[in-house]
Amino acid sequence: YHFELSTRPEGENVLGTDDEWEISTLAL
């Protein structure tokens, strides 16, 4: 098996701001 890190999808219904997504993505 292998690991994949999936990031913010495109679209209007995505929750949160760019900064919040950056924080959470960097945490993972």
PDB file of all heavy atoms in Angstrom:
ATOM      1  N   TYR A   1       0.840  -1.196   0.000  1.00  0.00           N
ATOM      2  CA  TYR A   1       0.000   0.000   0.000  1.00  0.00           C
ATOM      3  C   TYR A   1       0.875   1.245   0.000  1.00  0.00           C
ATOM      4  O   TYR A   1       2.086   1.178   0.260  1.00  0.00           O
ATOM      5  CB  TYR A   1      -0.934   0.014   1.218  1.00  0.00           C
ATOM      6  CG  TYR A   1      -0.239  -0.013   2.565  1.00  0.00           C
ATOM      7  CD1 TYR A   1       0.163   1.166   3.195  1.00  0.00           C
ATOM      8  CD2 TYR A   1       0.028  -1.223   3.216  1.00  0.00           C
ATOM      9  CE1 TYR A   1       0.797   1.138   4.421  1.00  0.00           C
ATOM     10  CE2 TYR A   1       0.664  -1.253   4.431  1.00  0.00           C
ATOM     11  CZ  TYR A   1       1.045  -0.075   5.043  1.00  0.00           C
ATOM     12  OH  TYR A   1       1.690  -0.104   6.255  1.00  0.00           O
ATOM     13  N   HIS A   2       0.257   2.387  -0.317  1.00  0.00           N
ATOM     14  CA  HIS A   2       0.980   3.652  -0.257  1.00  0.00           C
ATOM     15  C   HIS A   2       0.046   4.739   0.268  1.00  0.00           C
ATOM     16  O   HIS A   2      -1.180   4.598   0.239  1.00  0.00           O
ATOM     17  CB  HIS A   2       1.538   4.041  -1.633  1.00  0.00           C
ATOM     18  CG  HIS A   2       0.483   4.438  -2.628  1.00  0.00           C
ATOM     19  ND1 HIS A   2      -0.151   3.524  -3.445  1.00  0.00           N
ATOM     20  CD2 HIS A   2      -0.062   5.647  -2.934  1.00  0.00           C
ATOM     21  CE1 HIS A   2      -1.023   4.138  -4.212  1.00  0.00           C
ATOM     22  NE2 HIS A   2      -0.996   5.441  -3.927  1.00  0.00           N
ATOM     23  N   PHE A   3       0.650   5.834   0.758  1.00  0.00           N
ATOM     24  CA  PHE A   3      -0.109   6.960   1.297  1.00  0.00           C
ATOM     25  C   PHE A   3      -0.283   8.035   0.230  1.00  0.00           C
ATOM     26  O   PHE A   3       0.598   8.263  -0.596  1.00  0.00           O
ATOM     27  CB  PHE A   3       0.612   7.583   2.497  1.00  0.00           C
ATOM     28  CG  PHE A   3       0.764   6.650   3.678  1.00  0.00           C
ATOM     29  CD1 PHE A   3       1.990   6.087   3.984  1.00  0.00           C
ATOM     30  CD2 PHE A   3      -0.320   6.346   4.476  1.00  0.00           C
ATOM     31  CE1 PHE A   3       2.139   5.238   5.071  1.00  0.00           C
ATOM     32  CE2 PHE A   3      -0.193   5.495   5.562  1.00  0.00           C
ATOM     33  CZ  PHE A   3       1.039   4.939   5.861  1.00  0.00           C
ATOM     34  N   GLU A   4      -1.450   8.686   0.264  1.00  0.00           N
ATOM     35  CA  GLU A   4      -1.698   9.847  -0.583  1.00  0.00           C
ATOM     36  C   GLU A   4      -2.199  10.997   0.284  1.00  0.00           C
ATOM     37  O   GLU A   4      -3.051  10.785   1.159  1.00  0.00           O
ATOM     38  CB  GLU A   4      -2.736   9.533  -1.672  1.00  0.00           C
ATOM     39  CG  GLU A   4      -2.230   8.612  -2.753  1.00  0.00           C
ATOM     40  CD  GLU A   4      -3.192   8.502  -3.927  1.00  0.00           C
ATOM     41  OE1 GLU A   4      -4.234   9.208  -3.914  1.00  0.00           O
ATOM     42  OE2 GLU A   4      -2.909   7.717  -4.864  1.00  0.00           O
ATOM     43  N   LEU A   5      -1.685  12.197   0.039  1.00  0.00           N
ATOM     44  CA  LEU A   5      -2.151  13.404   0.717  1.00  0.00           C
ATOM     45  C   LEU A   5      -3.014  14.185  -0.261  1.00  0.00           C
ATOM     46  O   LEU A   5      -2.531  14.667  -1.288  1.00  0.00           O
ATOM     47  CB  LEU A   5      -0.972  14.250   1.192  1.00  0.00           C
ATOM     48  CG  LEU A   5      -1.321  15.599   1.827  1.00  0.00           C
ATOM     49  CD1 LEU A   5      -2.183  15.416   3.076  1.00  0.00           C
ATOM     50  CD2 LEU A   5      -0.053  16.386   2.172  1.00  0.00           C
ATOM     51  N   SER A   6      -4.313  14.301   0.046  1.00  0.00           N
ATOM     52  CA  SER A   6      -5.261  14.969  -0.838  1.00  0.00           C
ATOM     53  C   SER A   6      -5.554  16.377  -0.322  1.00  0.00           C
ATOM     54  O   SER A   6      -5.843  16.563   0.862  1.00  0.00           O
ATOM     55  CB  SER A   6      -6.562  14.156  -0.933  1.00  0.00           C
ATOM     56  OG  SER A   6      -6.308  12.872  -1.460  1.00  0.00           O
ATOM     57  N   THR A   7      -5.511  17.342  -1.215  1.00  0.00           N
ATOM     58  CA  THR A   7      -5.627  18.753  -0.827  1.00  0.00           C
ATOM     59  C   THR A   7      -6.974  19.339  -1.243  1.00  0.00           C
ATOM     60  O   THR A   7      -7.849  18.632  -1.747  1.00  0.00           O
ATOM     61  CB  THR A   7      -4.478  19.559  -1.459  1.00  0.00           C
ATOM     62  OG1 THR A   7      -4.563  19.433  -2.898  1.00  0.00           O
ATOM     63  CG2 THR A   7      -3.122  19.035  -1.000  1.00  0.00           C
ATOM     64  N   ARG A   8      -7.129  20.648  -1.047  1.00  0.00           N
ATOM     65  CA  ARG A   8      -8.409  21.328  -1.226  1.00  0.00           C
ATOM     66  C   ARG A   8      -8.978  21.127  -2.632  1.00  0.00           C
ATOM     67  O   ARG A   8      -8.311  21.370  -3.632  1.00  0.00           O
ATOM     68  CB  ARG A   8      -8.233  22.823  -0.953  1.00  0.00           C
ATOM     69  CG  ARG A   8      -9.527  23.614  -1.113  1.00  0.00           C
ATOM     70  CD  ARG A   8      -9.355  25.057  -0.738  1.00  0.00           C
ATOM     71  NE  ARG A   8     -10.620  25.786  -0.870  1.00  0.00           N
ATOM     72  CZ  ARG A   8     -10.830  26.985  -0.362  1.00  0.00           C
ATOM     73  NH1 ARG A   8      -9.880  27.604   0.296  1.00  0.00           N
ATOM     74  NH2 ARG A   8     -12.007  27.572  -0.520  1.00  0.00           N
ATOM     75  N   PRO A   9     -10.255  20.690  -2.701  1.00  0.00           N
ATOM     76  CA  PRO A   9     -10.888  20.545  -4.016  1.00  0.00           C
ATOM     77  C   PRO A   9     -11.370  21.884  -4.547  1.00  0.00           C
ATOM     78  O   PRO A   9     -11.492  22.865  -3.810  1.00  0.00           O
ATOM     79  CB  PRO A   9     -12.082  19.623  -3.714  1.00  0.00           C
ATOM     80  CG  PRO A   9     -12.406  19.876  -2.282  1.00  0.00           C
ATOM     81  CD  PRO A   9     -11.103  20.209  -1.610  1.00  0.00           C
ATOM     82  N   GLU A  10     -11.636  21.903  -5.827  1.00  0.00           N
ATOM     83  CA  GLU A  10     -12.211  23.094  -6.443  1.00  0.00           C
ATOM     84  C   GLU A  10     -13.715  23.120  -6.187  1.00  0.00           C
ATOM     85  O   GLU A  10     -14.341  22.095  -5.927  1.00  0.00           O
ATOM     86  CB  GLU A  10     -11.951  23.080  -7.953  1.00  0.00           C
ATOM     87  CG  GLU A  10     -10.476  23.081  -8.332  1.00  0.00           C
ATOM     88  CD  GLU A  10      -9.771  24.356  -7.934  1.00  0.00           C
ATOM     89  OE1 GLU A  10     -10.447  25.410  -7.889  1.00  0.00           O
ATOM     90  OE2 GLU A  10      -8.560  24.301  -7.666  1.00  0.00           O
ATOM     91  N   GLY A  11     -14.329  24.310  -6.224  1.00  0.00           N
ATOM     92  CA  GLY A  11     -15.777  24.404  -6.077  1.00  0.00           C
ATOM     93  C   GLY A  11     -16.187  25.449  -5.066  1.00  0.00           C
ATOM     94  O   GLY A  11     -15.399  25.831  -4.185  1.00  0.00           O
ATOM     95  N   GLU A  12     -17.433  25.871  -5.177  1.00  0.00           N
ATOM     96  CA  GLU A  12     -17.935  26.941  -4.328  1.00  0.00           C
ATOM     97  C   GLU A  12     -18.354  26.455  -2.945  1.00  0.00           C
ATOM     98  O   GLU A  12     -18.415  27.238  -1.998  1.00  0.00           O
ATOM     99  CB  GLU A  12     -19.143  27.613  -4.999  1.00  0.00           C
ATOM    100  CG  GLU A  12     -18.816  28.275  -6.326  1.00  0.00           C
ATOM    101  CD  GLU A  12     -20.047  28.886  -6.970  1.00  0.00           C
ATOM    102  OE1 GLU A  12     -21.145  28.728  -6.379  1.00  0.00           O
ATOM    103  OE2 GLU A  12     -19.911  29.506  -8.040  1.00  0.00           O
ATOM    104  N   ASN A  13     -18.662  25.168  -2.814  1.00  0.00           N
ATOM    105  CA  ASN A  13     -19.214  24.669  -1.556  1.00  0.00           C
ATOM    106  C   ASN A  13     -18.163  24.187  -0.569  1.00  0.00           C
ATOM    107  O   ASN A  13     -18.501  23.656   0.486  1.00  0.00           O
ATOM    108  CB  ASN A  13     -20.199  23.531  -1.846  1.00  0.00           C
ATOM    109  CG  ASN A  13     -21.429  24.017  -2.580  1.00  0.00           C
ATOM    110  OD1 ASN A  13     -21.939  25.099  -2.300  1.00  0.00           O
ATOM    111  ND2 ASN A  13     -21.907  23.229  -3.533  1.00  0.00           N
ATOM    112  N   VAL A  14     -16.892  24.339  -0.886  1.00  0.00           N
ATOM    113  CA  VAL A  14     -15.822  23.946   0.027  1.00  0.00           C
ATOM    114  C   VAL A  14     -15.850  24.858   1.247  1.00  0.00           C
ATOM    115  O   VAL A  14     -15.955  26.084   1.129  1.00  0.00           O
ATOM    116  CB  VAL A  14     -14.454  24.019  -0.677  1.00  0.00           C
ATOM    117  CG1 VAL A  14     -13.335  23.737   0.308  1.00  0.00           C
ATOM    118  CG2 VAL A  14     -14.412  23.021  -1.832  1.00  0.00           C
ATOM    119  N   LEU A  15     -15.754  24.262   2.429  1.00  0.00           N
ATOM    120  CA  LEU A  15     -15.803  25.041   3.662  1.00  0.00           C
ATOM    121  C   LEU A  15     -14.451  25.647   3.980  1.00  0.00           C
ATOM    122  O   LEU A  15     -13.404  25.057   3.667  1.00  0.00           O
ATOM    123  CB  LEU A  15     -16.250  24.150   4.833  1.00  0.00           C
ATOM    124  CG  LEU A  15     -17.616  23.474   4.718  1.00  0.00           C
ATOM    125  CD1 LEU A  15     -17.892  22.637   5.954  1.00  0.00           C
ATOM    126  CD2 LEU A  15     -18.717  24.506   4.521  1.00  0.00           C
ATOM    127  N   GLY A  16     -14.462  26.827   4.622  1.00  0.00           N
ATOM    128  CA  GLY A  16     -13.239  27.404   5.148  1.00  0.00           C
ATOM    129  C   GLY A  16     -12.506  28.328   4.209  1.00  0.00           C
ATOM    130  O   GLY A  16     -12.799  28.430   3.017  1.00  0.00           O
ATOM    131  N   THR A  17     -11.511  29.015   4.777  1.00  0.00           N
ATOM    132  CA  THR A  17     -10.699  29.973   4.036  1.00  0.00           C
ATOM    133  C   THR A  17      -9.406  29.321   3.554  1.00  0.00           C
ATOM    134  O   THR A  17      -9.047  28.215   3.981  1.00  0.00           O
ATOM    135  CB  THR A  17     -10.349  31.161   4.936  1.00  0.00           C
ATOM    136  OG1 THR A  17      -9.506  30.689   6.015  1.00  0.00           O
ATOM    137  CG2 THR A  17     -11.603  31.801   5.539  1.00  0.00           C
ATOM    138  N   ASP A  18      -8.706  30.033   2.689  1.00  0.00           N
ATOM    139  CA  ASP A  18      -7.414  29.535   2.200  1.00  0.00           C
ATOM    140  C   ASP A  18      -6.451  29.317   3.350  1.00  0.00           C
ATOM    141  O   ASP A  18      -5.696  28.332   3.370  1.00  0.00           O
ATOM    142  CB  ASP A  18      -6.821  30.519   1.190  1.00  0.00           C
ATOM    143  CG  ASP A  18      -7.578  30.537  -0.123  1.00  0.00           C
ATOM    144  OD1 ASP A  18      -8.358  29.585  -0.358  1.00  0.00           O
ATOM    145  OD2 ASP A  18      -7.406  31.498  -0.899  1.00  0.00           O
ATOM    146  N   ASP A  19      -6.435  30.250   4.317  1.00  0.00           N
ATOM    147  CA  ASP A  19      -5.518  30.131   5.452  1.00  0.00           C
ATOM    148  C   ASP A  19      -5.843  28.889   6.286  1.00  0.00           C
ATOM    149  O   ASP A  19      -4.924  28.174   6.729  1.00  0.00           O
ATOM    150  CB  ASP A  19      -5.603  31.380   6.334  1.00  0.00           C
ATOM    151  CG  ASP A  19      -4.958  32.595   5.685  1.00  0.00           C
ATOM    152  OD1 ASP A  19      -4.171  32.401   4.729  1.00  0.00           O
ATOM    153  OD2 ASP A  19      -5.234  33.729   6.117  1.00  0.00           O
ATOM    154  N   GLU A  20      -7.135  28.622   6.509  1.00  0.00           N
ATOM    155  CA  GLU A  20      -7.516  27.449   7.301  1.00  0.00           C
ATOM    156  C   GLU A  20      -7.118  26.158   6.585  1.00  0.00           C
ATOM    157  O   GLU A  20      -6.657  25.198   7.214  1.00  0.00           O
ATOM    158  CB  GLU A  20      -9.022  27.478   7.572  1.00  0.00           C
ATOM    159  CG  GLU A  20      -9.428  28.549   8.582  1.00  0.00           C
ATOM    160  CD  GLU A  20     -10.938  28.704   8.694  1.00  0.00           C
ATOM    161  OE1 GLU A  20     -11.622  28.649   7.649  1.00  0.00           O
ATOM    162  OE2 GLU A  20     -11.428  28.883   9.829  1.00  0.00           O
ATOM    163  N   TRP A  21      -7.279  26.152   5.265  1.00  0.00           N
ATOM    164  CA  TRP A  21      -6.873  24.968   4.508  1.00  0.00           C
ATOM    165  C   TRP A  21      -5.358  24.789   4.532  1.00  0.00           C
ATOM    166  O   TRP A  21      -4.862  23.669   4.609  1.00  0.00           O
ATOM    167  CB  TRP A  21      -7.383  25.075   3.075  1.00  0.00           C
ATOM    168  CG  TRP A  21      -8.769  24.532   2.930  1.00  0.00           C
ATOM    169  CD1 TRP A  21      -9.938  25.193   3.128  1.00  0.00           C
ATOM    170  CD2 TRP A  21      -9.118  23.191   2.598  1.00  0.00           C
ATOM    171  NE1 TRP A  21     -10.999  24.349   2.928  1.00  0.00           N
ATOM    172  CE2 TRP A  21     -10.531  23.116   2.580  1.00  0.00           C
ATOM    173  CE3 TRP A  21      -8.390  22.046   2.276  1.00  0.00           C
ATOM    174  CZ2 TRP A  21     -11.219  21.941   2.295  1.00  0.00           C
ATOM    175  CZ3 TRP A  21      -9.077  20.880   1.975  1.00  0.00           C
ATOM    176  CH2 TRP A  21     -10.466  20.830   1.986  1.00  0.00           C
ATOM    177  N   GLU A  22      -4.633  25.865   4.496  1.00  0.00           N
ATOM    178  CA  GLU A  22      -3.175  25.766   4.548  1.00  0.00           C
ATOM    179  C   GLU A  22      -2.728  25.216   5.887  1.00  0.00           C
ATOM    180  O   GLU A  22      -1.836  24.358   5.957  1.00  0.00           O
ATOM    181  CB  GLU A  22      -2.551  27.142   4.296  1.00  0.00           C
ATOM    182  CG  GLU A  22      -1.027  27.096   4.238  1.00  0.00           C
ATOM    183  CD  GLU A  22      -0.399  28.434   3.906  1.00  0.00           C
ATOM    184  OE1 GLU A  22      -1.155  29.417   3.703  1.00  0.00           O
ATOM    185  OE2 GLU A  22       0.843  28.505   3.859  1.00  0.00           O
ATOM    186  N   ILE A  23      -3.356  25.705   6.958  1.00  0.00           N
ATOM    187  CA  ILE A  23      -3.008  25.223   8.305  1.00  0.00           C
ATOM    188  C   ILE A  23      -3.267  23.717   8.421  1.00  0.00           C
ATOM    189  O   ILE A  23      -2.422  22.955   8.913  1.00  0.00           O
ATOM    190  CB  ILE A  23      -3.817  25.990   9.369  1.00  0.00           C
ATOM    191  CG1 ILE A  23      -3.336  27.439   9.474  1.00  0.00           C
ATOM    192  CG2 ILE A  23      -3.697  25.306  10.733  1.00  0.00           C
ATOM    193  CD1 ILE A  23      -4.234  28.323  10.327  1.00  0.00           C
ATOM    194  N   SER A  24      -4.459  23.285   7.981  1.00  0.00           N
ATOM    195  CA  SER A  24      -4.817  21.873   8.128  1.00  0.00           C
ATOM    196  C   SER A  24      -3.981  20.979   7.216  1.00  0.00           C
ATOM    197  O   SER A  24      -3.566  19.881   7.610  1.00  0.00           O
ATOM    198  CB  SER A  24      -6.309  21.678   7.860  1.00  0.00           C
ATOM    199  OG  SER A  24      -6.675  22.204   6.600  1.00  0.00           O
ATOM    200  N   THR A  25      -3.692  21.439   5.999  1.00  0.00           N
ATOM    201  CA  THR A  25      -2.875  20.638   5.081  1.00  0.00           C
ATOM    202  C   THR A  25      -1.450  20.486   5.599  1.00  0.00           C
ATOM    203  O   THR A  25      -0.867  19.396   5.549  1.00  0.00           O
ATOM    204  CB  THR A  25      -2.863  21.272   3.675  1.00  0.00           C
ATOM    205  OG1 THR A  25      -4.202  21.413   3.202  1.00  0.00           O
ATOM    206  CG2 THR A  25      -2.073  20.420   2.703  1.00  0.00           C
ATOM    207  N   LEU A  26      -0.884  21.581   6.117  1.00  0.00           N
ATOM    208  CA  LEU A  26       0.469  21.519   6.676  1.00  0.00           C
ATOM    209  C   LEU A  26       0.520  20.598   7.891  1.00  0.00           C
ATOM    210  O   LEU A  26       1.525  19.917   8.125  1.00  0.00           O
ATOM    211  CB  LEU A  26       0.949  22.921   7.047  1.00  0.00           C
ATOM    212  CG  LEU A  26       1.356  23.819   5.872  1.00  0.00           C
ATOM    213  CD1 LEU A  26       1.682  25.233   6.375  1.00  0.00           C
ATOM    214  CD2 LEU A  26       2.552  23.233   5.127  1.00  0.00           C
ATOM    215  N   ALA A  27      -0.573  20.570   8.684  1.00  0.00           N
ATOM    216  CA  ALA A  27      -0.607  19.695   9.857  1.00  0.00           C
ATOM    217  C   ALA A  27      -0.510  18.228   9.442  1.00  0.00           C
ATOM    218  O   ALA A  27       0.224  17.437  10.061  1.00  0.00           O
ATOM    219  CB  ALA A  27      -1.888  19.941  10.651  1.00  0.00           C
ATOM    220  N   LEU A  28      -1.235  17.837   8.384  1.00  0.00           N
ATOM    221  CA  LEU A  28      -1.162  16.455   7.915  1.00  0.00           C
ATOM    222  C   LEU A  28       0.175  16.161   7.247  1.00  0.00           C
ATOM    223  O   LEU A  28       0.744  15.073   7.413  1.00  0.00           O
ATOM    224  CB  LEU A  28      -2.303  16.171   6.939  1.00  0.00           C
ATOM    225  CG  LEU A  28      -3.719  16.136   7.515  1.00  0.00           C
ATOM    226  CD1 LEU A  28      -4.705  15.678   6.448  1.00  0.00           C
ATOM    227  CD2 LEU A  28      -3.814  15.233   8.733  1.00  0.00           C
TER     228      LEU A  28
END
